[in-house]
C-alpha atoms as a PDB file:
ATOM      1  CA  UNK A   1     -36.756   5.148  47.583  1.00  0.00           C
ATOM      2  CA  UNK A   2     -36.767   3.692  51.565  1.00  0.00           C
ATOM      3  CA  UNK A   3     -38.385   0.576  51.870  1.00  0.00           C
ATOM      4  CA  UNK A   4     -42.010   0.578  53.802  1.00  0.00           C
ATOM      5  CA  UNK A   5     -43.389  -2.731  55.484  1.00  0.00           C
ATOM      6  CA  UNK A   6     -46.956  -3.501  54.307  1.00  0.00           C
ATOM      7  CA  UNK A   7     -48.198  -3.185  57.846  1.00  0.00           C
ATOM      8  CA  UNK A   8     -46.906   0.306  58.211  1.00  0.00           C
ATOM      9  CA  UNK A   9     -48.538   1.478  55.114  1.00  0.00           C
ATOM     10  CA  UNK A  10     -51.815  -0.434  56.322  1.00  0.00           C
ATOM     11  CA  UNK A  11     -51.617   1.887  59.621  1.00  0.00           C
ATOM     12  CA  UNK A  12     -51.505   4.582  57.694  1.00  0.00           C
ATOM     13  CA  UNK A  13     -54.282   3.716  55.409  1.00  0.00           C
ATOM     14  CA  UNK A  14     -56.414   3.143  58.506  1.00  0.00           C
ATOM     15  CA  UNK A  15     -55.187   6.269  60.046  1.00  0.00           C
ATOM     16  CA  UNK A  16     -56.044   8.266  56.662  1.00  0.00           C
ATOM     17  CA  UNK A  17     -59.840   6.457  56.740  1.00  0.00           C
ATOM     18  CA  UNK A  18     -60.384   7.292  60.360  1.00  0.00           C
ATOM     19  CA  UNK A  19     -59.799  10.977  59.517  1.00  0.00           C
ATOM     20  CA  UNK A  20     -61.927  11.020  56.693  1.00  0.00           C
ATOM     21  CA  UNK A  21     -64.711   9.531  58.088  1.00  0.00           C
ATOM     22  CA  UNK A  22     -64.644  11.847  60.912  1.00  0.00           C
ATOM     23  CA  UNK A  23     -64.468  15.110  58.410  1.00  0.00           C
ATOM     24  CA  UNK A  24     -67.152  12.976  56.349  1.00  0.00           C
ATOM     25  CA  UNK A  25     -69.464  12.640  59.227  1.00  0.00           C
ATOM     26  CA  UNK A  26     -70.880   9.046  57.816  1.00  0.00           C
ATOM     27  CA  UNK A  27     -69.640   5.480  58.643  1.00  0.00           C
ATOM     28  CA  UNK A  28     -67.486   3.917  56.395  1.00  0.00           C
ATOM     29  CA  UNK A  29     -69.420   1.372  54.016  1.00  0.00           C
ATOM     30  CA  UNK A  30     -68.205  -0.219  50.646  1.00  0.00           C
ATOM     31  CA  UNK A  31     -67.299   1.080  47.956  1.00  0.00           C
ATOM     32  CA  UNK A  32     -64.730   3.581  49.928  1.00  0.00           C
ATOM     33  CA  UNK A  33     -65.857   6.708  48.343  1.00  0.00           C
ATOM     34  CA  UNK A  34     -62.012   7.723  47.188  1.00  0.00           C
ATOM     35  CA  UNK A  35     -63.354  10.781  45.222  1.00  0.00           C
ATOM     36  CA  UNK A  36     -64.780  12.446  48.364  1.00  0.00           C
ATOM     37  CA  UNK A  37     -61.765  11.263  50.264  1.00  0.00           C
ATOM     38  CA  UNK A  38     -59.618  13.483  48.283  1.00  0.00           C
ATOM     39  CA  UNK A  39     -61.984  16.408  48.748  1.00  0.00           C
ATOM     40  CA  UNK A  40     -62.763  15.997  52.446  1.00  0.00           C
ATOM     41  CA  UNK A  41     -59.366  15.784  53.436  1.00  0.00           C
ATOM     42  CA  UNK A  42     -57.349  17.382  50.881  1.00  0.00           C
ATOM     43  CA  UNK A  43     -59.538  19.458  49.340  1.00  0.00           C
ATOM     44  CA  UNK A  44     -58.653  17.958  45.872  1.00  0.00           C
ATOM     45  CA  UNK A  45     -61.092  17.655  43.077  1.00  0.00           C
ATOM     46  CA  UNK A  46     -59.179  15.624  40.209  1.00  0.00           C
ATOM     47  CA  UNK A  47     -58.863  16.837  36.616  1.00  0.00           C
ATOM     48  CA  UNK A  48     -58.488  15.635  33.308  1.00  0.00           C
ATOM     49  CA  UNK A  49     -55.423  16.413  31.332  1.00  0.00           C
ATOM     50  CA  UNK A  50     -53.459  14.983  28.118  1.00  0.00           C
ATOM     51  CA  UNK A  51     -50.413  13.497  28.950  1.00  0.00           C
ATOM     52  CA  UNK A  52     -47.178  13.621  26.845  1.00  0.00           C
ATOM     53  CA  UNK A  53     -46.798   9.680  27.764  1.00  0.00           C
ATOM     54  CA  UNK A  54     -50.225   7.794  26.980  1.00  0.00           C
ATOM     55  CA  UNK A  55     -49.380   5.137  29.077  1.00  0.00           C
ATOM     56  CA  UNK A  56     -49.813   8.020  32.320  1.00  0.00           C
ATOM     57  CA  UNK A  57     -53.276   7.294  34.090  1.00  0.00           C
ATOM     58  CA  UNK A  58     -52.659   9.594  36.387  1.00  0.00           C
ATOM     59  CA  UNK A  59     -50.536  12.169  37.749  1.00  0.00           C
ATOM     60  CA  UNK A  60     -50.083  14.289  41.176  1.00  0.00           C
ATOM     61  CA  UNK A  61     -47.714  17.715  41.624  1.00  0.00           C
ATOM     62  CA  UNK A  62     -46.914  19.428  44.340  1.00  0.00           C
ATOM     63  CA  UNK A  63     -45.413  22.828  44.647  1.00  0.00           C
ATOM     64  CA  UNK A  64     -43.165  24.187  46.960  1.00  0.00           C
ATOM     65  CA  UNK A  65     -45.881  26.058  49.108  1.00  0.00           C
ATOM     66  CA  UNK A  66     -47.811  22.298  49.500  1.00  0.00           C
ATOM     67  CA  UNK A  67     -50.419  22.551  47.114  1.00  0.00           C
ATOM     68  CA  UNK A  68     -51.398  19.387  45.472  1.00  0.00           C
ATOM     69  CA  UNK A  69     -52.705  19.106  42.013  1.00  0.00           C
ATOM     70  CA  UNK A  70     -54.237  16.164  40.802  1.00  0.00           C
ATOM     71  CA  UNK A  71     -54.709  15.040  37.103  1.00  0.00           C
ATOM     72  CA  UNK A  72     -56.074  11.833  35.317  1.00  0.00           C
ATOM     73  CA  UNK A  73     -55.823  10.583  31.727  1.00  0.00           C
ATOM     74  CA  UNK A  74     -59.214  10.819  29.807  1.00  0.00           C
ATOM     75  CA  UNK A  75     -59.163   7.462  28.866  1.00  0.00           C
ATOM     76  CA  UNK A  76     -60.120   6.161  32.063  1.00  0.00           C
ATOM     77  CA  UNK A  77     -62.594   8.863  33.127  1.00  0.00           C
ATOM     78  CA  UNK A  78     -66.239   7.741  33.442  1.00  0.00           C
ATOM     79  CA  UNK A  79     -67.997  10.814  33.709  1.00  0.00           C
ATOM     80  CA  UNK A  80     -69.048  13.121  30.977  1.00  0.00           C
ATOM     81  CA  UNK A  81     -67.770  14.143  28.578  1.00  0.00           C
ATOM     82  CA  UNK A  82     -65.646  11.172  28.136  1.00  0.00           C
ATOM     83  CA  UNK A  83     -67.938   8.355  29.816  1.00  0.00           C
ATOM     84  CA  UNK A  84     -65.362   5.588  30.197  1.00  0.00           C
ATOM     85  CA  UNK A  85     -67.924   3.578  32.329  1.00  0.00           C
ATOM     86  CA  UNK A  86     -66.004   0.196  32.052  1.00  0.00           C
ATOM     87  CA  UNK A  87     -62.843   1.980  33.359  1.00  0.00           C
ATOM     88  CA  UNK A  88     -64.585   3.249  36.665  1.00  0.00           C
ATOM     89  CA  UNK A  89     -62.370   0.690  38.503  1.00  0.00           C
ATOM     90  CA  UNK A  90     -58.967   1.702  37.133  1.00  0.00           C
ATOM     91  CA  UNK A  91     -59.992   5.377  37.869  1.00  0.00           C
ATOM     92  CA  UNK A  92     -60.931   4.789  41.393  1.00  0.00           C
ATOM     93  CA  UNK A  93     -57.264   2.604  41.849  1.00  0.00           C
ATOM     94  CA  UNK A  94     -55.654   5.361  40.040  1.00  0.00           C
ATOM     95  CA  UNK A  95     -56.906   7.556  42.304  1.00  0.00           C
ATOM     96  CA  UNK A  96     -55.793   5.846  45.717  1.00  0.00           C
ATOM     97  CA  UNK A  97     -52.520   5.051  44.130  1.00  0.00           C
ATOM     98  CA  UNK A  98     -51.710   8.907  43.775  1.00  0.00           C
ATOM     99  CA  UNK A  99     -53.370   8.757  47.464  1.00  0.00           C
ATOM    100  CA  UNK A 100     -50.136   6.653  48.354  1.00  0.00           C
ATOM    101  CA  UNK A 101     -48.080   8.629  46.717  1.00  0.00           C
ATOM    102  CA  UNK A 102     -49.426  11.752  48.798  1.00  0.00           C
ATOM    103  CA  UNK A 103     -48.743   9.822  51.746  1.00  0.00           C
ATOM    104  CA  UNK A 104     -45.439   8.259  51.302  1.00  0.00           C
ATOM    105  CA  UNK A 105     -43.691   9.896  49.033  1.00  0.00           C
ATOM    106  CA  UNK A 106     -44.450  13.713  48.371  1.00  0.00           C
ATOM    107  CA  UNK A 107     -43.714  14.993  52.014  1.00  0.00           C
ATOM    108  CA  UNK A 108     -40.205  13.532  51.231  1.00  0.00           C
ATOM    109  CA  UNK A 109     -40.108  15.005  47.957  1.00  0.00           C
ATOM    110  CA  UNK A 110     -41.513  18.553  49.272  1.00  0.00           C
ATOM    111  CA  UNK A 111     -38.761  18.446  51.848  1.00  0.00           C
ATOM    112  CA  UNK A 112     -36.121  17.776  49.531  1.00  0.00           C
ATOM    113  CA  UNK A 113     -37.580  20.381  47.479  1.00  0.00           C
ATOM    114  CA  UNK A 114     -37.542  23.456  49.943  1.00  0.00           C
ATOM    115  CA  UNK A 115     -33.921  22.145  50.939  1.00  0.00           C
ATOM    116  CA  UNK A 116     -33.130  22.390  47.092  1.00  0.00           C
ATOM    117  CA  UNK A 117     -34.613  25.587  46.755  1.00  0.00           C
ATOM    118  CA  UNK A 118     -32.472  27.447  49.537  1.00  0.00           C
ATOM    119  CA  UNK A 119     -29.021  26.682  47.213  1.00  0.00           C
ATOM    120  CA  UNK A 120     -30.555  26.467  44.036  1.00  0.00           C
ATOM    121  CA  UNK A 121     -32.713  29.804  42.437  1.00  0.00           C
ATOM    122  CA  UNK A 122     -33.375  27.731  39.431  1.00  0.00           C
ATOM    123  CA  UNK A 123     -35.278  24.554  41.213  1.00  0.00           C
ATOM    124  CA  UNK A 124     -38.234  23.173  39.337  1.00  0.00           C
ATOM    125  CA  UNK A 125     -41.543  24.895  40.165  1.00  0.00           C
ATOM    126  CA  UNK A 126     -42.929  21.613  41.225  1.00  0.00           C
ATOM    127  CA  UNK A 127     -42.350  18.035  41.734  1.00  0.00           C
ATOM    128  CA  UNK A 128     -44.190  15.087  40.100  1.00  0.00           C
ATOM    129  CA  UNK A 129     -45.393  11.492  40.691  1.00  0.00           C
ATOM    130  CA  UNK A 130     -47.536   9.561  38.392  1.00  0.00           C
ATOM    131  CA  UNK A 131     -49.080   6.046  37.842  1.00  0.00           C
ATOM    132  CA  UNK A 132     -48.359   4.342  34.431  1.00  0.00           C
ATOM    133  CA  UNK A 133     -50.748   1.800  32.821  1.00  0.00           C
ATOM    134  CA  UNK A 134     -47.689  -0.476  31.751  1.00  0.00           C
ATOM    135  CA  UNK A 135     -44.223  -1.024  32.903  1.00  0.00           C
ATOM    136  CA  UNK A 136     -41.509  -1.941  30.681  1.00  0.00           C
ATOM    137  CA  UNK A 137     -41.206  -5.959  30.552  1.00  0.00           C
ATOM    138  CA  UNK A 138     -37.386  -5.847  31.148  1.00  0.00           C
ATOM    139  CA  UNK A 139     -37.373  -3.281  33.852  1.00  0.00           C
ATOM    140  CA  UNK A 140     -38.100  -3.782  37.479  1.00  0.00           C
ATOM    141  CA  UNK A 141     -40.961  -1.762  38.719  1.00  0.00           C
ATOM    142  CA  UNK A 142     -40.052   1.090  40.965  1.00  0.00           C
ATOM    143  CA  UNK A 143     -40.362   0.855  44.663  1.00  0.00           C
ATOM    144  CA  UNK A 144     -42.422   3.719  44.865  1.00  0.00           C
ATOM    145  CA  UNK A 145     -45.054   2.508  42.496  1.00  0.00           C
ATOM    146  CA  UNK A 146     -44.849  -0.869  44.332  1.00  0.00           C
ATOM    147  CA  UNK A 147     -45.664   0.726  47.313  1.00  0.00           C
ATOM    148  CA  UNK A 148     -48.522   3.110  45.874  1.00  0.00           C
ATOM    149  CA  UNK A 149     -50.185  -0.050  44.512  1.00  0.00           C
ATOM    150  CA  UNK A 150     -49.997  -1.753  47.683  1.00  0.00           C
ATOM    151  CA  UNK A 151     -51.516   1.630  49.537  1.00  0.00           C
ATOM    152  CA  UNK A 152     -54.090   1.750  46.948  1.00  0.00           C
ATOM    153  CA  UNK A 153     -55.414  -2.124  47.411  1.00  0.00           C
ATOM    154  CA  UNK A 154     -55.395  -1.677  51.221  1.00  0.00           C
ATOM    155  CA  UNK A 155     -57.028   1.831  51.055  1.00  0.00           C
ATOM    156  CA  UNK A 156     -59.989   0.860  48.888  1.00  0.00           C
ATOM    157  CA  UNK A 157     -60.243  -2.608  50.286  1.00  0.00           C
ATOM    158  CA  UNK A 158     -59.994  -2.244  53.980  1.00  0.00           C
ATOM    159  CA  UNK A 159     -59.836  -5.447  56.003  1.00  0.00           C
ATOM    160  CA  UNK A 160     -62.980  -4.332  58.324  1.00  0.00           C
ATOM    161  CA  UNK A 161     -65.141  -3.705  55.072  1.00  0.00           C
ATOM    162  CA  UNK A 162     -64.008  -6.914  53.496  1.00  0.00           C
ATOM    163  CA  UNK A 163     -64.819  -9.090  56.435  1.00  0.00           C
ATOM    164  CA  UNK A 164     -68.032  -7.238  57.055  1.00  0.00           C
ATOM    165  CA  UNK A 165     -68.945  -8.396  53.346  1.00  0.00           C
ATOM    166  CA  UNK A 166     -67.688 -11.882  53.352  1.00  0.00           C
ATOM    167  CA  UNK A 167     -69.783 -12.714  56.555  1.00  0.00           C
ATOM    168  CA  UNK A 168     -73.077 -11.186  54.101  1.00  0.00           C
ATOM    169  CA  UNK A 169     -72.087 -13.689  51.885  1.00  0.00           C
ATOM    170  CA  UNK A 170     -71.435 -16.692  53.816  1.00  0.00           C
ATOM    171  CA  UNK A 171     -72.582 -15.921  57.271  1.00  0.00           C
ATOM    172  CA  UNK A 172     -70.871 -15.390  60.638  1.00  0.00           C
ATOM    173  CA  UNK A 173     -67.673 -17.522  61.204  1.00  0.00           C
ATOM    174  CA  UNK A 174     -67.009 -18.687  57.916  1.00  0.00           C
ATOM    175  CA  UNK A 175     -63.485 -20.052  57.200  1.00  0.00           C
ATOM    176  CA  UNK A 176     -61.751 -19.701  53.794  1.00  0.00           C
ATOM    177  CA  UNK A 177     -63.048 -20.809  50.198  1.00  0.00           C
ATOM    178  CA  UNK A 178     -61.052 -23.196  48.370  1.00  0.00           C
ATOM    179  CA  UNK A 179     -61.433 -21.952  44.609  1.00  0.00           C
ATOM    180  CA  UNK A 180     -58.846 -24.164  43.131  1.00  0.00           C
ATOM    181  CA  UNK A 181     -60.971 -26.550  41.184  1.00  0.00           C
ATOM    182  CA  UNK A 182     -63.108 -23.446  40.007  1.00  0.00           C
ATOM    183  CA  UNK A 183     -60.261 -21.594  38.733  1.00  0.00           C
ATOM    184  CA  UNK A 184     -58.561 -25.045  37.297  1.00  0.00           C
ATOM    185  CA  UNK A 185     -61.809 -25.264  35.344  1.00  0.00           C
ATOM    186  CA  UNK A 186     -61.832 -21.637  34.320  1.00  0.00           C
ATOM    187  CA  UNK A 187     -58.606 -21.927  33.051  1.00  0.00           C
ATOM    188  CA  UNK A 188     -59.300 -24.768  30.876  1.00  0.00           C
ATOM    189  CA  UNK A 189     -62.315 -22.702  29.105  1.00  0.00           C
ATOM    190  CA  UNK A 190     -60.365 -19.430  28.933  1.00  0.00           C
ATOM    191  CA  UNK A 191     -57.967 -17.792  25.819  1.00  0.00           C
ATOM    192  CA  UNK A 192     -56.409 -16.375  28.574  1.00  0.00           C
ATOM    193  CA  UNK A 193     -56.008 -18.967  31.339  1.00  0.00           C
ATOM    194  CA  UNK A 194     -53.666 -16.088  33.533  1.00  0.00           C
ATOM    195  CA  UNK A 195     -56.526 -13.313  33.854  1.00  0.00           C
ATOM    196  CA  UNK A 196     -59.304 -15.690  35.103  1.00  0.00           C
ATOM    197  CA  UNK A 197     -60.538 -14.756  38.320  1.00  0.00           C
ATOM    198  CA  UNK A 198     -62.906 -16.698  41.077  1.00  0.00           C
ATOM    199  CA  UNK A 199     -66.646 -15.659  41.085  1.00  0.00           C
ATOM    200  CA  UNK A 200     -66.085 -14.497  44.737  1.00  0.00           C
ATOM    201  CA  UNK A 201     -63.622 -12.289  43.825  1.00  0.00           C
ATOM    202  CA  UNK A 202     -65.801 -10.930  40.900  1.00  0.00           C
ATOM    203  CA  UNK A 203     -68.664 -10.436  43.247  1.00  0.00           C
ATOM    204  CA  UNK A 204     -66.697  -8.586  45.753  1.00  0.00           C
ATOM    205  CA  UNK A 205     -64.967  -6.609  43.124  1.00  0.00           C
ATOM    206  CA  UNK A 206     -68.088  -5.450  41.957  1.00  0.00           C
ATOM    207  CA  UNK A 207     -68.953  -4.171  45.553  1.00  0.00           C
ATOM    208  CA  UNK A 208     -65.830  -2.255  46.231  1.00  0.00           C
ATOM    209  CA  UNK A 209     -65.600  -0.869  42.350  1.00  0.00           C
ATOM    210  CA  UNK A 210     -62.310  -2.532  41.979  1.00  0.00           C
ATOM    211  CA  UNK A 211     -60.762  -5.009  39.502  1.00  0.00           C
ATOM    212  CA  UNK A 212     -61.258  -8.752  40.186  1.00  0.00           C
ATOM    213  CA  UNK A 213     -57.537  -8.845  40.065  1.00  0.00           C
ATOM    214  CA  UNK A 214     -56.880  -6.441  43.014  1.00  0.00           C
ATOM    215  CA  UNK A 215     -59.765  -8.170  44.948  1.00  0.00           C
ATOM    216  CA  UNK A 216     -58.263 -11.699  44.576  1.00  0.00           C
ATOM    217  CA  UNK A 217     -54.615 -10.308  45.504  1.00  0.00           C
ATOM    218  CA  UNK A 218     -56.597  -8.948  48.864  1.00  0.00           C
ATOM    219  CA  UNK A 219     -58.326 -12.176  49.942  1.00  0.00           C
ATOM    220  CA  UNK A 220     -55.095 -14.198  49.089  1.00  0.00           C
ATOM    221  CA  UNK A 221     -53.477 -11.622  51.757  1.00  0.00           C
ATOM    222  CA  UNK A 222     -56.160 -12.426  54.154  1.00  0.00           C
ATOM    223  CA  UNK A 223     -56.439 -15.723  53.864  1.00  0.00           C
ATOM    224  CA  UNK A 224     -60.073 -16.083  52.742  1.00  0.00           C
ATOM    225  CA  UNK A 225     -59.527 -17.990  49.679  1.00  0.00           C
ATOM    226  CA  UNK A 226     -57.341 -20.661  48.808  1.00  0.00           C
ATOM    227  CA  UNK A 227     -55.989 -21.061  45.059  1.00  0.00           C
ATOM    228  CA  UNK A 228     -53.825 -24.369  45.347  1.00  0.00           C
ATOM    229  CA  UNK A 229     -55.306 -27.961  46.026  1.00  0.00           C
ATOM    230  CA  UNK A 230     -55.427 -28.969  49.203  1.00  0.00           C
ATOM    231  CA  UNK A 231     -53.562 -32.305  50.454  1.00  0.00           C
ATOM    232  CA  UNK A 232     -55.790 -35.181  51.209  1.00  0.00           C
ATOM    233  CA  UNK A 233     -54.706 -37.108  54.100  1.00  0.00           C
ATOM    234  CA  UNK A 234     -52.068 -37.513  56.200  1.00  0.00           C
ATOM    235  CA  UNK A 235     -48.635 -37.321  55.017  1.00  0.00           C
ATOM    236  CA  UNK A 236     -47.166 -40.191  57.506  1.00  0.00           C
END
């Protein structure tokens, strides 16, 4: 799988959001309506399905005619009859992750599929990509999965909307917030210190309907929060 720079991925998410906004006929606001995006841009309505591998959270497939089908694991489906409301953030991220595969990987897969079909009458009926809940601790995460994760973060948390909500919280021209002391205190009082998140990440995560972990990652990338203790005084 070829390397794709983050800025190229971000450009594609912005292009997709612009296409969606035009078709949707409404200004984009947080949270990004990922299910509406799938319907308006691709005509996809995700279905639930049981998978042979319980770790698979979502699965997309494309047939040789270019038709895309997306299925999700009932364990993260927030609507009836499953009503896993607490998994809504994971559900949205999984859908966005699959959109990343559709944009970055399925075109290449489909092109290879059609080429194979010219020479092999026994070519499979469809090719698939999917999101798993866990990666084997001793195995390196596949490049395409890393790319799809990055795509999902940029799609669900575009910079323009983050800054819009940030200004509502802290006012115009607000600089980065240093959360080092807050996180140190949280870690000291937590049984799971690696999983603590600052309040601002949790608050914004609730607005964008994503996990606090994903939001913290995005805020750090945008230099809106600092998670290290600042040096006091001059070094000289």
